[in-house]
Amino acid sequence: MPERYIHNKTNSDKNNKSYFKTTINPNIPVHSSDLVIIAQMGDRLDTLANQHYGRPSYWWIIAEANGLGKGSLFIPAGMQVRVPKNLTRIAEKQEKLSRGK
């Protein structure tokens, strides 16, 4: 499914230490299968991803769909949060971006 780094290219620094190139996430348009929830106090992107996808590492999908995740996994209480459900399409887009296509 949509693993962010599986197809990313790597670079090496002058000490031969490898690192991933910048990851570009796909645009995630609204889809009829999306779930919309109201965030509660203490909700986090990774725990919502685990709850809805079974994988906390998919936090970036919810973040990207809602303009969140810039420095914190916490979601403001009372915020309407869209949880995309079309993971196959998101995975396809992520793979194309990661491979530079």
PDB file of N, CA and C in Angstrom:
ATOM      1  N   MET A   1       0.834  -1.187   0.000  1.00  0.00           N
ATOM      2  CA  MET A   1       0.000   0.000   0.000  1.00  0.00           C
ATOM      3  C   MET A   1       0.879   1.252   0.000  1.00  0.00           C
ATOM      4  N   PRO A   2       0.366   2.371   0.423  1.00  0.00           N
ATOM      5  CA  PRO A   2       1.076   3.637   0.245  1.00  0.00           C
ATOM      6  C   PRO A   2       2.221   3.883   1.219  1.00  0.00           C
ATOM      7  N   GLU A   3       3.291   3.151   1.073  1.00  0.00           N
ATOM      8  CA  GLU A   3       4.486   3.392   1.889  1.00  0.00           C
ATOM      9  C   GLU A   3       5.249   4.552   1.276  1.00  0.00           C
ATOM     10  N   ARG A   4       5.573   5.537   2.086  1.00  0.00           N
ATOM     11  CA  ARG A   4       6.157   6.781   1.558  1.00  0.00           C
ATOM     12  C   ARG A   4       7.561   6.629   0.996  1.00  0.00           C
ATOM     13  N   TYR A   5       8.356   5.733   1.510  1.00  0.00           N
ATOM     14  CA  TYR A   5       9.768   5.714   1.133  1.00  0.00           C
ATOM     15  C   TYR A   5      10.180   4.514   0.287  1.00  0.00           C
ATOM     16  N   ILE A   6       9.267   3.603   0.000  1.00  0.00           N
ATOM     17  CA  ILE A   6       9.645   2.355  -0.658  1.00  0.00           C
ATOM     18  C   ILE A   6      10.276   2.575  -2.037  1.00  0.00           C
ATOM     19  N   HIS A   7       9.834   3.590  -2.763  1.00  0.00           N
ATOM     20  CA  HIS A   7      10.376   3.838  -4.104  1.00  0.00           C
ATOM     21  C   HIS A   7      11.258   5.078  -4.167  1.00  0.00           C
ATOM     22  N   ASN A   8      11.484   5.726  -3.028  1.00  0.00           N
ATOM     23  CA  ASN A   8      12.299   6.937  -3.025  1.00  0.00           C
ATOM     24  C   ASN A   8      13.756   6.636  -3.354  1.00  0.00           C
ATOM     25  N   LYS A   9      14.342   7.540  -4.069  1.00  0.00           N
ATOM     26  CA  LYS A   9      15.764   7.430  -4.383  1.00  0.00           C
ATOM     27  C   LYS A   9      16.568   7.940  -3.186  1.00  0.00           C
ATOM     28  N   THR A  10      17.807   7.510  -3.098  1.00  0.00           N
ATOM     29  CA  THR A  10      18.664   7.955  -2.004  1.00  0.00           C
ATOM     30  C   THR A  10      19.861   8.725  -2.559  1.00  0.00           C
ATOM     31  N   ASN A  11      20.443   9.528  -1.724  1.00  0.00           N
ATOM     32  CA  ASN A  11      21.689  10.237  -2.002  1.00  0.00           C
ATOM     33  C   ASN A  11      22.689   9.842  -0.933  1.00  0.00           C
ATOM     34  N   SER A  12      23.933  10.169  -1.147  1.00  0.00           N
ATOM     35  CA  SER A  12      24.974   9.957  -0.136  1.00  0.00           C
ATOM     36  C   SER A  12      25.698  11.267   0.092  1.00  0.00           C
ATOM     37  N   ASP A  13      26.046  11.527   1.354  1.00  0.00           N
ATOM     38  CA  ASP A  13      26.800  12.739   1.649  1.00  0.00           C
ATOM     39  C   ASP A  13      28.294  12.454   1.510  1.00  0.00           C
ATOM     40  N   LYS A  14      29.128  13.443   1.833  1.00  0.00           N
ATOM     41  CA  LYS A  14      30.580  13.302   1.648  1.00  0.00           C
ATOM     42  C   LYS A  14      31.189  12.226   2.546  1.00  0.00           C
ATOM     43  N   ASN A  15      30.463  11.834   3.613  1.00  0.00           N
ATOM     44  CA  ASN A  15      30.934  10.759   4.503  1.00  0.00           C
ATOM     45  C   ASN A  15      30.343   9.404   4.124  1.00  0.00           C
ATOM     46  N   ASN A  16      29.719   9.350   2.940  1.00  0.00           N
ATOM     47  CA  ASN A  16      29.113   8.132   2.416  1.00  0.00           C
ATOM     48  C   ASN A  16      27.892   7.671   3.218  1.00  0.00           C
ATOM     49  N   LYS A  17      27.281   8.594   3.943  1.00  0.00           N
ATOM     50  CA  LYS A  17      26.062   8.277   4.674  1.00  0.00           C
ATOM     51  C   LYS A  17      24.880   8.471   3.734  1.00  0.00           C
ATOM     52  N   SER A  18      24.028   7.450   3.617  1.00  0.00           N
ATOM     53  CA  SER A  18      22.876   7.511   2.722  1.00  0.00           C
ATOM     54  C   SER A  18      21.690   8.182   3.401  1.00  0.00           C
ATOM     55  N   TYR A  19      20.909   8.868   2.594  1.00  0.00           N
ATOM     56  CA  TYR A  19      19.669   9.475   3.083  1.00  0.00           C
ATOM     57  C   TYR A  19      18.685   9.544   1.915  1.00  0.00           C
ATOM     58  N   PHE A  20      17.383   9.574   2.253  1.00  0.00           N
ATOM     59  CA  PHE A  20      16.348   9.655   1.240  1.00  0.00           C
ATOM     60  C   PHE A  20      16.271  11.064   0.665  1.00  0.00           C
ATOM     61  N   LYS A  21      15.995  11.143  -0.623  1.00  0.00           N
ATOM     62  CA  LYS A  21      15.700  12.430  -1.228  1.00  0.00           C
ATOM     63  C   LYS A  21      14.359  12.901  -0.683  1.00  0.00           C
ATOM     64  N   THR A  22      14.056  14.166  -0.886  1.00  0.00           N
ATOM     65  CA  THR A  22      12.806  14.738  -0.408  1.00  0.00           C
ATOM     66  C   THR A  22      11.613  13.965  -0.951  1.00  0.00           C
ATOM     67  N   THR A  23      10.679  13.664  -0.056  1.00  0.00           N
ATOM     68  CA  THR A  23       9.464  12.958  -0.435  1.00  0.00           C
ATOM     69  C   THR A  23       8.400  13.971  -0.853  1.00  0.00           C
ATOM     70  N   ILE A  24       7.789  13.746  -1.992  1.00  0.00           N
ATOM     71  CA  ILE A  24       6.696  14.585  -2.450  1.00  0.00           C
ATOM     72  C   ILE A  24       5.426  13.755  -2.347  1.00  0.00           C
ATOM     73  N   ASN A  25       4.494  14.236  -1.528  1.00  0.00           N
ATOM     74  CA  ASN A  25       3.240  13.515  -1.351  1.00  0.00           C
ATOM     75  C   ASN A  25       2.242  13.911  -2.429  1.00  0.00           C
ATOM     76  N   PRO A  26       1.365  12.973  -2.800  1.00  0.00           N
ATOM     77  CA  PRO A  26       0.366  13.295  -3.818  1.00  0.00           C
ATOM     78  C   PRO A  26      -0.732  14.186  -3.271  1.00  0.00           C
ATOM     79  N   ASN A  27      -1.352  14.927  -4.170  1.00  0.00           N
ATOM     80  CA  ASN A  27      -2.568  15.651  -3.831  1.00  0.00           C
ATOM     81  C   ASN A  27      -3.650  14.596  -3.601  1.00  0.00           C
ATOM     82  N   ILE A  28      -4.440  14.760  -2.554  1.00  0.00           N
ATOM     83  CA  ILE A  28      -5.474  13.773  -2.238  1.00  0.00           C
ATOM     84  C   ILE A  28      -6.830  14.468  -2.339  1.00  0.00           C
ATOM     85  N   PRO A  29      -7.467  14.399  -3.519  1.00  0.00           N
ATOM     86  CA  PRO A  29      -8.752  15.071  -3.692  1.00  0.00           C
ATOM     87  C   PRO A  29      -9.858  14.392  -2.889  1.00  0.00           C
ATOM     88  N   VAL A  30     -10.912  15.142  -2.635  1.00  0.00           N
ATOM     89  CA  VAL A  30     -12.074  14.604  -1.931  1.00  0.00           C
ATOM     90  C   VAL A  30     -12.673  13.478  -2.766  1.00  0.00           C
ATOM     91  N   HIS A  31     -13.073  12.402  -2.094  1.00  0.00           N
ATOM     92  CA  HIS A  31     -13.669  11.247  -2.756  1.00  0.00           C
ATOM     93  C   HIS A  31     -14.924  10.858  -1.992  1.00  0.00           C
ATOM     94  N   SER A  32     -15.887  10.311  -2.674  1.00  0.00           N
ATOM     95  CA  SER A  32     -17.159   9.947  -2.032  1.00  0.00           C
ATOM     96  C   SER A  32     -17.005   8.901  -0.934  1.00  0.00           C
ATOM     97  N   SER A  33     -15.914   8.146  -0.953  1.00  0.00           N
ATOM     98  CA  SER A  33     -15.696   7.115   0.072  1.00  0.00           C
ATOM     99  C   SER A  33     -15.025   7.656   1.331  1.00  0.00           C
ATOM    100  N   ASP A  34     -14.601   8.930   1.308  1.00  0.00           N
ATOM    101  CA  ASP A  34     -13.917   9.513   2.467  1.00  0.00           C
ATOM    102  C   ASP A  34     -14.829   9.532   3.689  1.00  0.00           C
ATOM    103  N   LEU A  35     -14.215   9.374   4.838  1.00  0.00           N
ATOM    104  CA  LEU A  35     -14.912   9.479   6.115  1.00  0.00           C
ATOM    105  C   LEU A  35     -14.572  10.847   6.706  1.00  0.00           C
ATOM    106  N   VAL A  36     -15.558  11.520   7.296  1.00  0.00           N
ATOM    107  CA  VAL A  36     -15.315  12.802   7.945  1.00  0.00           C
ATOM    108  C   VAL A  36     -15.633  12.643   9.422  1.00  0.00           C
ATOM    109  N   ILE A  37     -14.665  13.033  10.267  1.00  0.00           N
ATOM    110  CA  ILE A  37     -14.852  12.937  11.711  1.00  0.00           C
ATOM    111  C   ILE A  37     -14.553  14.297  12.342  1.00  0.00           C
ATOM    112  N   ILE A  38     -14.965  14.467  13.569  1.00  0.00           N
ATOM    113  CA  ILE A  38     -14.629  15.650  14.344  1.00  0.00           C
ATOM    114  C   ILE A  38     -13.579  15.224  15.365  1.00  0.00           C
ATOM    115  N   ALA A  39     -12.421  15.867  15.318  1.00  0.00           N
ATOM    116  CA  ALA A  39     -11.312  15.496  16.204  1.00  0.00           C
ATOM    117  C   ALA A  39     -11.666  15.781  17.664  1.00  0.00           C
ATOM    118  N   GLN A  40     -11.251  14.873  18.509  1.00  0.00           N
ATOM    119  CA  GLN A  40     -11.423  15.007  19.953  1.00  0.00           C
ATOM    120  C   GLN A  40     -10.095  15.444  20.566  1.00  0.00           C
ATOM    121  N   MET A  41     -10.137  15.981  21.764  1.00  0.00           N
ATOM    122  CA  MET A  41      -8.925  16.379  22.477  1.00  0.00           C
ATOM    123  C   MET A  41      -7.966  15.182  22.548  1.00  0.00           C
ATOM    124  N   GLY A  42      -6.733  15.389  22.125  1.00  0.00           N
ATOM    125  CA  GLY A  42      -5.718  14.340  22.181  1.00  0.00           C
ATOM    126  C   GLY A  42      -5.603  13.493  20.935  1.00  0.00           C
ATOM    127  N   ASP A  43      -6.484  13.684  19.946  1.00  0.00           N
ATOM    128  CA  ASP A  43      -6.368  12.917  18.704  1.00  0.00           C
ATOM    129  C   ASP A  43      -5.056  13.249  18.011  1.00  0.00           C
ATOM    130  N   ARG A  44      -4.460  12.204  17.452  1.00  0.00           N
ATOM    131  CA  ARG A  44      -3.189  12.343  16.736  1.00  0.00           C
ATOM    132  C   ARG A  44      -3.323  11.711  15.359  1.00  0.00           C
ATOM    133  N   LEU A  45      -2.539  12.196  14.420  1.00  0.00           N
ATOM    134  CA  LEU A  45      -2.574  11.657  13.066  1.00  0.00           C
ATOM    135  C   LEU A  45      -2.220  10.174  13.035  1.00  0.00           C
ATOM    136  N   ASP A  46      -1.199   9.785  13.783  1.00  0.00           N
ATOM    137  CA  ASP A  46      -0.775   8.385  13.753  1.00  0.00           C
ATOM    138  C   ASP A  46      -1.790   7.450  14.392  1.00  0.00           C
ATOM    139  N   THR A  47      -2.467   7.892  15.461  1.00  0.00           N
ATOM    140  CA  THR A  47      -3.461   7.015  16.087  1.00  0.00           C
ATOM    141  C   THR A  47      -4.715   6.906  15.222  1.00  0.00           C
ATOM    142  N   LEU A  48      -5.108   8.002  14.553  1.00  0.00           N
ATOM    143  CA  LEU A  48      -6.236   7.906  13.627  1.00  0.00           C
ATOM    144  C   LEU A  48      -5.897   7.000  12.446  1.00  0.00           C
ATOM    145  N   ALA A  49      -4.671   7.096  11.943  1.00  0.00           N
ATOM    146  CA  ALA A  49      -4.250   6.225  10.839  1.00  0.00           C
ATOM    147  C   ALA A  49      -4.279   4.764  11.268  1.00  0.00           C
ATOM    148  N   ASN A  50      -3.817   4.496  12.471  1.00  0.00           N
ATOM    149  CA  ASN A  50      -3.846   3.122  12.970  1.00  0.00           C
ATOM    150  C   ASN A  50      -5.285   2.633  13.119  1.00  0.00           C
ATOM    151  N   GLN A  51      -6.148   3.490  13.618  1.00  0.00           N
ATOM    152  CA  GLN A  51      -7.555   3.137  13.826  1.00  0.00           C
ATOM    153  C   GLN A  51      -8.268   2.864  12.499  1.00  0.00           C
ATOM    154  N   HIS A  52      -8.011   3.680  11.484  1.00  0.00           N
ATOM    155  CA  HIS A  52      -8.756   3.576  10.227  1.00  0.00           C
ATOM    156  C   HIS A  52      -8.062   2.748   9.151  1.00  0.00           C
ATOM    157  N   TYR A  53      -6.739   2.644   9.211  1.00  0.00           N
ATOM    158  CA  TYR A  53      -6.000   1.904   8.190  1.00  0.00           C
ATOM    159  C   TYR A  53      -5.267   0.679   8.739  1.00  0.00           C
ATOM    160  N   GLY A  54      -5.156   0.606  10.063  1.00  0.00           N
ATOM    161  CA  GLY A  54      -4.401  -0.486  10.662  1.00  0.00           C
ATOM    162  C   GLY A  54      -2.895  -0.282  10.593  1.00  0.00           C
ATOM    163  N   ARG A  55      -2.457   0.924  10.235  1.00  0.00           N
ATOM    164  CA  ARG A  55      -1.033   1.238  10.094  1.00  0.00           C
ATOM    165  C   ARG A  55      -0.774   2.673  10.549  1.00  0.00           C
ATOM    166  N   PRO A  56      -0.107   2.887  11.683  1.00  0.00           N
ATOM    167  CA  PRO A  56       0.180   4.255  12.108  1.00  0.00           C
ATOM    168  C   PRO A  56       1.088   5.001  11.128  1.00  0.00           C
ATOM    169  N   SER A  57       1.863   4.277  10.335  1.00  0.00           N
ATOM    170  CA  SER A  57       2.774   4.919   9.378  1.00  0.00           C
ATOM    171  C   SER A  57       2.026   5.605   8.232  1.00  0.00           C
ATOM    172  N   TYR A  58       0.733   5.404   8.119  1.00  0.00           N
ATOM    173  CA  TYR A  58      -0.062   6.073   7.088  1.00  0.00           C
ATOM    174  C   TYR A  58      -0.597   7.418   7.562  1.00  0.00           C
ATOM    175  N   TRP A  59      -0.048   7.940   8.658  1.00  0.00           N
ATOM    176  CA  TRP A  59      -0.478   9.236   9.196  1.00  0.00           C
ATOM    177  C   TRP A  59      -0.403  10.343   8.152  1.00  0.00           C
ATOM    178  N   TRP A  60       0.566  10.252   7.254  1.00  0.00           N
ATOM    179  CA  TRP A  60       0.785  11.295   6.263  1.00  0.00           C
ATOM    180  C   TRP A  60      -0.395  11.443   5.308  1.00  0.00           C
ATOM    181  N   ILE A  61      -1.182  10.378   5.109  1.00  0.00           N
ATOM    182  CA  ILE A  61      -2.346  10.448   4.218  1.00  0.00           C
ATOM    183  C   ILE A  61      -3.388  11.399   4.810  1.00  0.00           C
ATOM    184  N   ILE A  62      -3.692  11.212   6.095  1.00  0.00           N
ATOM    185  CA  ILE A  62      -4.648  12.089   6.765  1.00  0.00           C
ATOM    186  C   ILE A  62      -4.092  13.512   6.839  1.00  0.00           C
ATOM    187  N   ALA A  63      -2.801  13.627   7.125  1.00  0.00           N
ATOM    188  CA  ALA A  63      -2.165  14.950   7.199  1.00  0.00           C
ATOM    189  C   ALA A  63      -2.269  15.671   5.864  1.00  0.00           C
ATOM    190  N   GLU A  64      -1.926  15.009   4.795  1.00  0.00           N
ATOM    191  CA  GLU A  64      -1.938  15.629   3.467  1.00  0.00           C
ATOM    192  C   GLU A  64      -3.352  16.028   3.055  1.00  0.00           C
ATOM    193  N   ALA A  65      -4.323  15.194   3.369  1.00  0.00           N
ATOM    194  CA  ALA A  65      -5.716  15.474   3.003  1.00  0.00           C
ATOM    195  C   ALA A  65      -6.283  16.672   3.755  1.00  0.00           C
ATOM    196  N   ASN A  66      -5.669  17.011   4.910  1.00  0.00           N
ATOM    197  CA  ASN A  66      -6.209  18.061   5.768  1.00  0.00           C
ATOM    198  C   ASN A  66      -5.266  19.227   6.017  1.00  0.00           C
ATOM    199  N   GLY A  67      -4.126  19.253   5.340  1.00  0.00           N
ATOM    200  CA  GLY A  67      -3.166  20.336   5.536  1.00  0.00           C
ATOM    201  C   GLY A  67      -2.579  20.345   6.938  1.00  0.00           C
ATOM    202  N   LEU A  68      -2.344  19.163   7.499  1.00  0.00           N
ATOM    203  CA  LEU A  68      -1.804  19.028   8.854  1.00  0.00           C
ATOM    204  C   LEU A  68      -0.427  18.378   8.830  1.00  0.00           C
ATOM    205  N   GLY A  69       0.157  18.219  10.026  1.00  0.00           N
ATOM    206  CA  GLY A  69       1.388  17.455  10.163  1.00  0.00           C
ATOM    207  C   GLY A  69       2.658  18.245  10.010  1.00  0.00           C
ATOM    208  N   LYS A  70       2.577  19.546   9.992  1.00  0.00           N
ATOM    209  CA  LYS A  70       3.782  20.371   9.875  1.00  0.00           C
ATOM    210  C   LYS A  70       4.365  20.595  11.261  1.00  0.00           C
ATOM    211  N   GLY A  71       5.113  19.616  11.764  1.00  0.00           N
ATOM    212  CA  GLY A  71       5.771  19.753  13.053  1.00  0.00           C
ATOM    213  C   GLY A  71       5.064  19.105  14.222  1.00  0.00           C
ATOM    214  N   SER A  72       3.859  18.590  14.024  1.00  0.00           N
ATOM    215  CA  SER A  72       3.132  17.955  15.119  1.00  0.00           C
ATOM    216  C   SER A  72       2.161  16.925  14.571  1.00  0.00           C
ATOM    217  N   LEU A  73       2.002  15.841  15.303  1.00  0.00           N
ATOM    218  CA  LEU A  73       1.030  14.821  14.939  1.00  0.00           C
ATOM    219  C   LEU A  73      -0.334  15.084  15.572  1.00  0.00           C
ATOM    220  N   PHE A  74      -0.407  16.046  16.492  1.00  0.00           N
ATOM    221  CA  PHE A  74      -1.674  16.342  17.159  1.00  0.00           C
ATOM    222  C   PHE A  74      -2.627  17.082  16.226  1.00  0.00           C
ATOM    223  N   ILE A  75      -3.911  16.804  16.392  1.00  0.00           N
ATOM    224  CA  ILE A  75      -4.966  17.439  15.606  1.00  0.00           C
ATOM    225  C   ILE A  75      -5.760  18.341  16.545  1.00  0.00           C
ATOM    226  N   PRO A  76      -6.022  19.583  16.153  1.00  0.00           N
ATOM    227  CA  PRO A  76      -6.788  20.470  17.027  1.00  0.00           C
ATOM    228  C   PRO A  76      -8.180  19.899  17.335  1.00  0.00           C
ATOM    229  N   ALA A  77      -8.555  19.881  18.603  1.00  0.00           N
ATOM    230  CA  ALA A  77      -9.873  19.390  19.013  1.00  0.00           C
ATOM    231  C   ALA A  77     -10.961  20.208  18.327  1.00  0.00           C
ATOM    232  N   GLY A  78     -11.990  19.532  17.862  1.00  0.00           N
ATOM    233  CA  GLY A  78     -13.120  20.184  17.201  1.00  0.00           C
ATOM    234  C   GLY A  78     -12.944  20.341  15.703  1.00  0.00           C
ATOM    235  N   MET A  79     -11.744  20.063  15.186  1.00  0.00           N
ATOM    236  CA  MET A  79     -11.493  20.197  13.750  1.00  0.00           C
ATOM    237  C   MET A  79     -12.197  19.083  12.981  1.00  0.00           C
ATOM    238  N   GLN A  80     -12.799  19.439  11.855  1.00  0.00           N
ATOM    239  CA  GLN A  80     -13.368  18.437  10.961  1.00  0.00           C
ATOM    240  C   GLN A  80     -12.213  17.819  10.186  1.00  0.00           C
ATOM    241  N   VAL A  81     -12.071  16.511  10.259  1.00  0.00           N
ATOM    242  CA  VAL A  81     -10.941  15.804   9.650  1.00  0.00           C
ATOM    243  C   VAL A  81     -11.460  14.815   8.616  1.00  0.00           C
ATOM    244  N   ARG A  82     -10.896  14.908   7.424  1.00  0.00           N
ATOM    245  CA  ARG A  82     -11.245  13.975   6.343  1.00  0.00           C
ATOM    246  C   ARG A  82     -10.266  12.807   6.374  1.00  0.00           C
ATOM    247  N   VAL A  83     -10.808  11.594   6.418  1.00  0.00           N
ATOM    248  CA  VAL A  83      -9.995  10.381   6.405  1.00  0.00           C
ATOM    249  C   VAL A  83     -10.211   9.712   5.049  1.00  0.00           C
ATOM    250  N   PRO A  84      -9.260   9.880   4.119  1.00  0.00           N
ATOM    251  CA  PRO A  84      -9.412   9.266   2.796  1.00  0.00           C
ATOM    252  C   PRO A  84      -9.454   7.742   2.892  1.00  0.00           C
ATOM    253  N   LYS A  85     -10.325   7.143   2.118  1.00  0.00           N
ATOM    254  CA  LYS A  85     -10.470   5.690   2.135  1.00  0.00           C
ATOM    255  C   LYS A  85      -9.994   5.018   0.854  1.00  0.00           C
ATOM    256  N   ASN A  86      -9.709   5.786  -0.189  1.00  0.00           N
ATOM    257  CA  ASN A  86      -9.300   5.227  -1.473  1.00  0.00           C
ATOM    258  C   ASN A  86      -7.780   5.008  -1.497  1.00  0.00           C
ATOM    259  N   LEU A  87      -7.297   4.084  -0.663  1.00  0.00           N
ATOM    260  CA  LEU A  87      -5.851   3.880  -0.509  1.00  0.00           C
ATOM    261  C   LEU A  87      -5.161   3.378  -1.770  1.00  0.00           C
ATOM    262  N   THR A  88      -5.844   2.592  -2.579  1.00  0.00           N
ATOM    263  CA  THR A  88      -5.213   2.075  -3.798  1.00  0.00           C
ATOM    264  C   THR A  88      -4.825   3.220  -4.727  1.00  0.00           C
ATOM    265  N   ARG A  89      -5.718   4.162  -4.924  1.00  0.00           N
ATOM    266  CA  ARG A  89      -5.438   5.309  -5.800  1.00  0.00           C
ATOM    267  C   ARG A  89      -4.320   6.175  -5.217  1.00  0.00           C
ATOM    268  N   ILE A  90      -4.341   6.388  -3.908  1.00  0.00           N
ATOM    269  CA  ILE A  90      -3.303   7.182  -3.248  1.00  0.00           C
ATOM    270  C   ILE A  90      -1.946   6.499  -3.408  1.00  0.00           C
ATOM    271  N   ALA A  91      -1.920   5.174  -3.256  1.00  0.00           N
ATOM    272  CA  ALA A  91      -0.671   4.419  -3.410  1.00  0.00           C
ATOM    273  C   ALA A  91      -0.121   4.546  -4.828  1.00  0.00           C
ATOM    274  N   GLU A  92      -0.984   4.493  -5.817  1.00  0.00           N
ATOM    275  CA  GLU A  92      -0.552   4.632  -7.207  1.00  0.00           C
ATOM    276  C   GLU A  92       0.070   6.005  -7.450  1.00  0.00           C
ATOM    277  N   LYS A  93      -0.586   7.040  -6.936  1.00  0.00           N
ATOM    278  CA  LYS A  93      -0.050   8.397  -7.096  1.00  0.00           C
ATOM    279  C   LYS A  93       1.289   8.548  -6.379  1.00  0.00           C
ATOM    280  N   GLN A  94       1.385   8.006  -5.157  1.00  0.00           N
ATOM    281  CA  GLN A  94       2.621   8.097  -4.385  1.00  0.00           C
ATOM    282  C   GLN A  94       3.765   7.419  -5.100  1.00  0.00           C
ATOM    283  N   GLU A  95       3.507   6.256  -5.662  1.00  0.00           N
ATOM    284  CA  GLU A  95       4.547   5.521  -6.372  1.00  0.00           C
ATOM    285  C   GLU A  95       5.036   6.302  -7.584  1.00  0.00           C
ATOM    286  N   LYS A  96       4.124   6.886  -8.352  1.00  0.00           N
ATOM    287  CA  LYS A  96       4.526   7.674  -9.525  1.00  0.00           C
ATOM    288  C   LYS A  96       5.388   8.860  -9.120  1.00  0.00           C
ATOM    289  N   LEU A  97       4.981   9.564  -8.055  1.00  0.00           N
ATOM    290  CA  LEU A  97       5.774  10.712  -7.594  1.00  0.00           C
ATOM    291  C   LEU A  97       7.151  10.284  -7.103  1.00  0.00           C
ATOM    292  N   SER A  98       7.197   9.182  -6.363  1.00  0.00           N
ATOM    293  CA  SER A  98       8.471   8.705  -5.799  1.00  0.00           C
ATOM    294  C   SER A  98       9.433   8.262  -6.891  1.00  0.00           C
ATOM    295  N   ARG A  99       8.900   7.724  -7.951  1.00  0.00           N
ATOM    296  CA  ARG A  99       9.752   7.266  -9.053  1.00  0.00           C
ATOM    297  C   ARG A  99      10.064   8.378 -10.051  1.00  0.00           C
ATOM    298  N   GLY A 100       9.454   9.536  -9.817  1.00  0.00           N
ATOM    299  CA  GLY A 100       9.720  10.678 -10.692  1.00  0.00           C
ATOM    300  C   GLY A 100       8.979  10.623 -11.995  1.00  0.00           C
ATOM    301  N   LYS A 101       7.841   9.960 -12.028  1.00  0.00           N
ATOM    302  CA  LYS A 101       7.065   9.841 -13.270  1.00  0.00           C
ATOM    303  C   LYS A 101       5.939  10.848 -13.297  1.00  0.00           C
TER     304      LYS A 101
END
